[in-house]
Amino acid sequence: MKLTTGCLTAALSLAALATNAHAAGFKVTSPDVTNGGTIKAEQVFNNFGCTGNNISPELNWSGAPSAAKSFAVTVYDPDAPTGSGFWHWLIVNVPASVTSLPKNAGDPKADLAPKGSVQARTDYGAPGYGGPCPPKGDKPHRYIFTVFAVDTDKLDITPETSGAVVGFNLHFHTLAKATLTARYGR
C-alpha cells in the first residue's frame, strides 16, 4: 500500500491528537460503576426478565481537550447476541461546560440531563438509559461507558435517531474519548 504525503500527514495529525488527548489525561469515573467491576442492581434494566432499578449511574469526566465544543455519552454492550452489539444509552450535545451527569440523568422524565442535550433511541426502542439485561446463562457481558469530546456543539440527532447513526456522527466529530468498562451477568 502506497501512502501519499497527504495521507501520511493526516495519519500523523490524528496520532498527535490521540497522544495529546491521552497526555491530557481525559478520563471518566463513577461512584456507581467501577472500571473492571460488576454493575449493581440499581443500574440493571427492569424488564425482559431482569429486575433492576434501571437508574443510570453518575458519571464524571476530566482532562478533556480544550477544543471540545460538546460531549456525548454512550453505553454499549459488544457481547450482546445480536451480531451488532447493543446500545444501552446515547446522550449527545452535552454542553462543553458540563463535566458530569447526575445519577438518573438517563430517565427523560426525571429532567436531570443537561439543558440542550438529546437522548437518542437505544436498542430497547426508546430514548434514555436502558440498563444491562443479558440473556440468562450467558457469560457476563461487558458494558462500555464512553464519554466523547466532540468538535461541534450540536450533532444533528433527535430522540428517534438510532445508535448506529449516533455512532456514525461521532466517528467524524470525536476529538478524544474516555471509557470505563464494567460487567454484568445473570
C-alpha atoms as a PDB file:
ATOM      1  CA  MET A   1       0.000   0.000   0.000  1.00  0.00           C
ATOM      2  CA  LYS A   2       1.434   3.364  -1.014  1.00  0.00           C
ATOM      3  CA  LEU A   3       0.901   6.312   1.331  1.00  0.00           C
ATOM      4  CA  THR A   4       0.715   9.753  -0.195  1.00  0.00           C
ATOM      5  CA  THR A   5       2.185  12.732   1.624  1.00  0.00           C
ATOM      6  CA  GLY A   6      -1.336  13.982   2.390  1.00  0.00           C
ATOM      7  CA  CYS A   7      -2.377  10.624   3.865  1.00  0.00           C
ATOM      8  CA  LEU A   8       0.786  10.417   5.946  1.00  0.00           C
ATOM      9  CA  THR A   9       0.298  13.971   7.220  1.00  0.00           C
ATOM     10  CA  ALA A  10      -3.319  13.216   8.131  1.00  0.00           C
ATOM     11  CA  ALA A  11      -2.316   9.990   9.898  1.00  0.00           C
ATOM     12  CA  LEU A  12       0.410  11.767  11.867  1.00  0.00           C
ATOM     13  CA  SER A  13      -2.020  14.555  12.793  1.00  0.00           C
ATOM     14  CA  LEU A  14      -4.546  12.019  14.098  1.00  0.00           C
ATOM     15  CA  ALA A  15      -1.819  10.217  16.037  1.00  0.00           C
ATOM     16  CA  ALA A  16      -0.694  13.516  17.579  1.00  0.00           C
ATOM     17  CA  LEU A  17      -4.272  14.352  18.503  1.00  0.00           C
ATOM     18  CA  ALA A  18      -4.737  10.959  20.174  1.00  0.00           C
ATOM     19  CA  THR A  19      -1.429  11.382  22.007  1.00  0.00           C
ATOM     20  CA  ASN A  20      -2.373  14.889  23.182  1.00  0.00           C
ATOM     21  CA  ALA A  21      -5.770  13.700  24.381  1.00  0.00           C
ATOM     22  CA  HIS A  22      -4.109  10.830  26.231  1.00  0.00           C
ATOM     23  CA  ALA A  23      -1.428  13.125  27.632  1.00  0.00           C
ATOM     24  CA  ALA A  24      -4.161  15.459  28.851  1.00  0.00           C
ATOM     25  CA  GLY A  25      -5.481  12.584  30.962  1.00  0.00           C
ATOM     26  CA  PHE A  26      -9.044  12.526  29.644  1.00  0.00           C
ATOM     27  CA  LYS A  27     -10.840  10.085  31.931  1.00  0.00           C
ATOM     28  CA  VAL A  28     -14.301   9.086  33.112  1.00  0.00           C
ATOM     29  CA  THR A  29     -15.139   7.892  36.616  1.00  0.00           C
ATOM     30  CA  SER A  30     -18.265   6.972  38.526  1.00  0.00           C
ATOM     31  CA  PRO A  31     -19.112   6.415  42.185  1.00  0.00           C
ATOM     32  CA  ASP A  32     -21.745   3.916  40.966  1.00  0.00           C
ATOM     33  CA  VAL A  33     -19.825   1.852  38.387  1.00  0.00           C
ATOM     34  CA  THR A  34     -16.168   0.933  38.679  1.00  0.00           C
ATOM     35  CA  ASN A  35     -13.836   0.108  35.831  1.00  0.00           C
ATOM     36  CA  GLY A  36     -13.482  -3.677  35.787  1.00  0.00           C
ATOM     37  CA  GLY A  37     -16.234  -4.065  38.391  1.00  0.00           C
ATOM     38  CA  THR A  38     -19.679  -5.607  38.382  1.00  0.00           C
ATOM     39  CA  ILE A  39     -22.722  -3.465  37.651  1.00  0.00           C
ATOM     40  CA  LYS A  40     -25.094  -3.241  40.611  1.00  0.00           C
ATOM     41  CA  ALA A  41     -28.838  -3.990  40.567  1.00  0.00           C
ATOM     42  CA  GLU A  42     -29.522  -0.247  40.735  1.00  0.00           C
ATOM     43  CA  GLN A  43     -28.270   0.146  37.145  1.00  0.00           C
ATOM     44  CA  VAL A  44     -29.775  -3.113  35.761  1.00  0.00           C
ATOM     45  CA  PHE A  45     -32.795  -2.999  33.418  1.00  0.00           C
ATOM     46  CA  ASN A  46     -36.262  -3.694  34.844  1.00  0.00           C
ATOM     47  CA  ASN A  47     -37.911  -5.760  32.082  1.00  0.00           C
ATOM     48  CA  PHE A  48     -37.206  -8.744  29.816  1.00  0.00           C
ATOM     49  CA  GLY A  49     -36.744 -10.930  32.907  1.00  0.00           C
ATOM     50  CA  CYS A  50     -34.407  -8.511  34.685  1.00  0.00           C
ATOM     51  CA  THR A  51     -35.462  -6.903  37.957  1.00  0.00           C
ATOM     52  CA  GLY A  52     -33.093  -3.983  38.479  1.00  0.00           C
ATOM     53  CA  ASN A  53     -33.935  -0.343  39.135  1.00  0.00           C
ATOM     54  CA  ASN A  54     -32.795   0.911  35.689  1.00  0.00           C
ATOM     55  CA  ILE A  55     -31.127   4.028  37.107  1.00  0.00           C
ATOM     56  CA  SER A  56     -28.280   5.469  35.069  1.00  0.00           C
ATOM     57  CA  PRO A  57     -25.102   5.939  37.096  1.00  0.00           C
ATOM     58  CA  GLU A  58     -23.491   9.231  37.977  1.00  0.00           C
ATOM     59  CA  LEU A  59     -20.618   9.876  35.558  1.00  0.00           C
ATOM     60  CA  ASN A  60     -17.799  12.395  35.943  1.00  0.00           C
ATOM     61  CA  TRP A  61     -15.085  13.290  33.447  1.00  0.00           C
ATOM     62  CA  SER A  62     -11.970  15.423  33.409  1.00  0.00           C
ATOM     63  CA  GLY A  63      -8.988  16.202  31.229  1.00  0.00           C
ATOM     64  CA  ALA A  64     -10.941  16.704  28.004  1.00  0.00           C
ATOM     65  CA  PRO A  65      -9.229  18.520  25.139  1.00  0.00           C
ATOM     66  CA  SER A  66      -9.752  22.284  25.333  1.00  0.00           C
ATOM     67  CA  ALA A  67     -11.086  22.236  21.753  1.00  0.00           C
ATOM     68  CA  ALA A  68     -14.152  20.211  22.820  1.00  0.00           C
ATOM     69  CA  LYS A  69     -17.373  22.065  21.995  1.00  0.00           C
ATOM     70  CA  SER A  70     -19.676  19.419  23.476  1.00  0.00           C
ATOM     71  CA  PHE A  71     -19.721  15.894  24.886  1.00  0.00           C
ATOM     72  CA  ALA A  72     -21.590  12.699  24.135  1.00  0.00           C
ATOM     73  CA  VAL A  73     -22.021   9.686  26.404  1.00  0.00           C
ATOM     74  CA  THR A  74     -22.789   6.152  25.300  1.00  0.00           C
ATOM     75  CA  VAL A  75     -23.187   2.778  26.972  1.00  0.00           C
ATOM     76  CA  TYR A  76     -22.610  -0.151  24.640  1.00  0.00           C
ATOM     77  CA  ASP A  77     -22.620  -3.950  25.089  1.00  0.00           C
ATOM     78  CA  PRO A  78     -20.351  -5.561  22.457  1.00  0.00           C
ATOM     79  CA  ASP A  79     -21.218  -9.054  23.785  1.00  0.00           C
ATOM     80  CA  ALA A  80     -24.964  -8.940  23.047  1.00  0.00           C
ATOM     81  CA  PRO A  81     -26.029 -11.867  20.839  1.00  0.00           C
ATOM     82  CA  THR A  82     -27.220  -9.608  18.025  1.00  0.00           C
ATOM     83  CA  GLY A  83     -24.337  -9.556  15.575  1.00  0.00           C
ATOM     84  CA  SER A  84     -24.030  -5.805  16.142  1.00  0.00           C
ATOM     85  CA  GLY A  85     -23.882  -5.348  19.918  1.00  0.00           C
ATOM     86  CA  PHE A  86     -26.490  -3.400  21.885  1.00  0.00           C
ATOM     87  CA  TRP A  87     -26.801   0.342  22.607  1.00  0.00           C
ATOM     88  CA  HIS A  88     -27.981   0.984  26.188  1.00  0.00           C
ATOM     89  CA  TRP A  89     -27.638   4.773  26.345  1.00  0.00           C
ATOM     90  CA  LEU A  90     -26.844   7.583  23.921  1.00  0.00           C
ATOM     91  CA  ILE A  91     -26.837  11.196  25.031  1.00  0.00           C
ATOM     92  CA  VAL A  92     -25.343  13.899  22.791  1.00  0.00           C
ATOM     93  CA  ASN A  93     -24.995  17.685  22.664  1.00  0.00           C
ATOM     94  CA  VAL A  94     -23.965  17.862  26.313  1.00  0.00           C
ATOM     95  CA  PRO A  95     -22.583  21.412  26.661  1.00  0.00           C
ATOM     96  CA  ALA A  96     -18.793  21.762  26.902  1.00  0.00           C
ATOM     97  CA  SER A  97     -19.183  23.415  30.316  1.00  0.00           C
ATOM     98  CA  VAL A  98     -20.638  20.191  31.763  1.00  0.00           C
ATOM     99  CA  THR A  99     -18.269  17.599  33.253  1.00  0.00           C
ATOM    100  CA  SER A 100     -20.712  15.198  34.867  1.00  0.00           C
ATOM    101  CA  LEU A 101     -24.110  13.591  34.604  1.00  0.00           C
ATOM    102  CA  PRO A 102     -26.043  13.030  37.828  1.00  0.00           C
ATOM    103  CA  LYS A 103     -27.476   9.675  38.802  1.00  0.00           C
ATOM    104  CA  ASN A 104     -30.727   9.009  36.885  1.00  0.00           C
ATOM    105  CA  ALA A 105     -29.962  11.585  34.154  1.00  0.00           C
ATOM    106  CA  GLY A 106     -30.862   8.802  31.733  1.00  0.00           C
ATOM    107  CA  ASP A 107     -34.544   8.983  32.662  1.00  0.00           C
ATOM    108  CA  PRO A 108     -36.026  11.569  30.275  1.00  0.00           C
ATOM    109  CA  LYS A 109     -38.994  12.079  32.639  1.00  0.00           C
ATOM    110  CA  ALA A 110     -36.670  13.000  35.535  1.00  0.00           C
ATOM    111  CA  ASP A 111     -35.374  16.047  33.579  1.00  0.00           C
ATOM    112  CA  LEU A 112     -31.863  15.674  35.045  1.00  0.00           C
ATOM    113  CA  ALA A 113     -29.937  15.668  31.758  1.00  0.00           C
ATOM    114  CA  PRO A 114     -28.140  18.907  30.862  1.00  0.00           C
ATOM    115  CA  LYS A 115     -30.231  21.507  29.052  1.00  0.00           C
ATOM    116  CA  GLY A 116     -29.766  21.246  25.303  1.00  0.00           C
ATOM    117  CA  SER A 117     -28.676  17.599  25.376  1.00  0.00           C
ATOM    118  CA  VAL A 118     -30.542  14.934  23.409  1.00  0.00           C
ATOM    119  CA  GLN A 119     -31.052  11.315  24.432  1.00  0.00           C
ATOM    120  CA  ALA A 120     -31.321   9.089  21.352  1.00  0.00           C
ATOM    121  CA  ARG A 121     -33.132   5.793  20.887  1.00  0.00           C
ATOM    122  CA  THR A 122     -31.474   2.779  22.498  1.00  0.00           C
ATOM    123  CA  ASP A 123     -31.768  -0.743  21.176  1.00  0.00           C
ATOM    124  CA  TYR A 124     -34.651  -1.183  23.627  1.00  0.00           C
ATOM    125  CA  GLY A 125     -36.545   1.116  21.237  1.00  0.00           C
ATOM    126  CA  ALA A 126     -36.835   4.282  23.321  1.00  0.00           C
ATOM    127  CA  PRO A 127     -34.607   7.227  24.246  1.00  0.00           C
ATOM    128  CA  GLY A 128     -32.944   7.291  27.664  1.00  0.00           C
ATOM    129  CA  TYR A 129     -30.947   4.838  29.721  1.00  0.00           C
ATOM    130  CA  GLY A 130     -31.753   1.136  29.458  1.00  0.00           C
ATOM    131  CA  GLY A 131     -29.598  -0.904  31.823  1.00  0.00           C
ATOM    132  CA  PRO A 132     -27.934  -4.269  31.341  1.00  0.00           C
ATOM    133  CA  CYS A 133     -30.106  -7.351  30.855  1.00  0.00           C
ATOM    134  CA  PRO A 134     -28.059 -10.074  29.164  1.00  0.00           C
ATOM    135  CA  PRO A 135     -29.620 -13.451  28.442  1.00  0.00           C
ATOM    136  CA  LYS A 136     -29.806 -15.733  31.469  1.00  0.00           C
ATOM    137  CA  GLY A 137     -26.877 -18.152  31.491  1.00  0.00           C
ATOM    138  CA  ASP A 138     -24.650 -16.078  29.166  1.00  0.00           C
ATOM    139  CA  LYS A 139     -21.181 -15.259  30.404  1.00  0.00           C
ATOM    140  CA  PRO A 140     -21.111 -11.761  31.944  1.00  0.00           C
ATOM    141  CA  HIS A 141     -21.320  -9.073  29.267  1.00  0.00           C
ATOM    142  CA  ARG A 142     -19.084  -6.005  29.050  1.00  0.00           C
ATOM    143  CA  TYR A 143     -20.746  -2.589  29.271  1.00  0.00           C
ATOM    144  CA  ILE A 144     -18.559   0.169  27.873  1.00  0.00           C
ATOM    145  CA  PHE A 145     -19.324   3.640  29.217  1.00  0.00           C
ATOM    146  CA  THR A 146     -17.732   6.164  26.859  1.00  0.00           C
ATOM    147  CA  VAL A 147     -17.533   9.944  27.068  1.00  0.00           C
ATOM    148  CA  PHE A 148     -16.699  11.569  23.740  1.00  0.00           C
ATOM    149  CA  ALA A 149     -15.150  15.037  23.446  1.00  0.00           C
ATOM    150  CA  VAL A 150     -16.854  16.397  20.323  1.00  0.00           C
ATOM    151  CA  ASP A 151     -15.604  19.084  17.917  1.00  0.00           C
ATOM    152  CA  THR A 152     -19.032  20.683  17.389  1.00  0.00           C
ATOM    153  CA  ASP A 153     -21.622  21.987  19.824  1.00  0.00           C
ATOM    154  CA  LYS A 154     -24.535  20.219  18.092  1.00  0.00           C
ATOM    155  CA  LEU A 155     -24.854  16.902  16.295  1.00  0.00           C
ATOM    156  CA  ASP A 156     -27.989  16.522  14.162  1.00  0.00           C
ATOM    157  CA  ILE A 157     -29.567  13.919  16.463  1.00  0.00           C
ATOM    158  CA  THR A 158     -33.172  13.524  17.643  1.00  0.00           C
ATOM    159  CA  PRO A 159     -34.711  11.204  20.257  1.00  0.00           C
ATOM    160  CA  GLU A 160     -35.656   8.873  17.357  1.00  0.00           C
ATOM    161  CA  THR A 161     -32.092   8.587  15.992  1.00  0.00           C
ATOM    162  CA  SER A 162     -30.610   5.076  16.154  1.00  0.00           C
ATOM    163  CA  GLY A 163     -27.372   4.146  17.893  1.00  0.00           C
ATOM    164  CA  ALA A 164     -25.750   3.361  14.541  1.00  0.00           C
ATOM    165  CA  VAL A 165     -26.450   6.884  13.252  1.00  0.00           C
ATOM    166  CA  VAL A 166     -25.212   8.435  16.509  1.00  0.00           C
ATOM    167  CA  GLY A 167     -22.044   6.328  16.185  1.00  0.00           C
ATOM    168  CA  PHE A 168     -21.611   7.412  12.566  1.00  0.00           C
ATOM    169  CA  ASN A 169     -21.801  11.085  13.575  1.00  0.00           C
ATOM    170  CA  LEU A 170     -19.433  10.595  16.493  1.00  0.00           C
ATOM    171  CA  HIS A 171     -16.927   8.862  14.206  1.00  0.00           C
ATOM    172  CA  PHE A 172     -16.459  12.103  12.277  1.00  0.00           C
ATOM    173  CA  HIS A 173     -16.584  14.532  15.215  1.00  0.00           C
ATOM    174  CA  THR A 174     -14.654  12.903  18.077  1.00  0.00           C
ATOM    175  CA  LEU A 175     -11.568  14.685  19.389  1.00  0.00           C
ATOM    176  CA  ALA A 176     -10.940  12.183  22.190  1.00  0.00           C
ATOM    177  CA  LYS A 177     -12.782   9.641  24.264  1.00  0.00           C
ATOM    178  CA  ALA A 178     -12.580   8.206  27.751  1.00  0.00           C
ATOM    179  CA  THR A 179     -14.013   4.835  28.753  1.00  0.00           C
ATOM    180  CA  LEU A 180     -14.732   2.613  31.682  1.00  0.00           C
ATOM    181  CA  THR A 181     -15.897  -0.954  31.317  1.00  0.00           C
ATOM    182  CA  ALA A 182     -17.936  -2.932  33.818  1.00  0.00           C
ATOM    183  CA  ARG A 183     -19.582  -6.365  33.606  1.00  0.00           C
ATOM    184  CA  TYR A 184     -22.918  -7.905  34.376  1.00  0.00           C
ATOM    185  CA  GLY A 185     -24.297 -11.416  34.008  1.00  0.00           C
ATOM    186  CA  ARG A 186     -27.229 -13.405  35.340  1.00  0.00           C
END
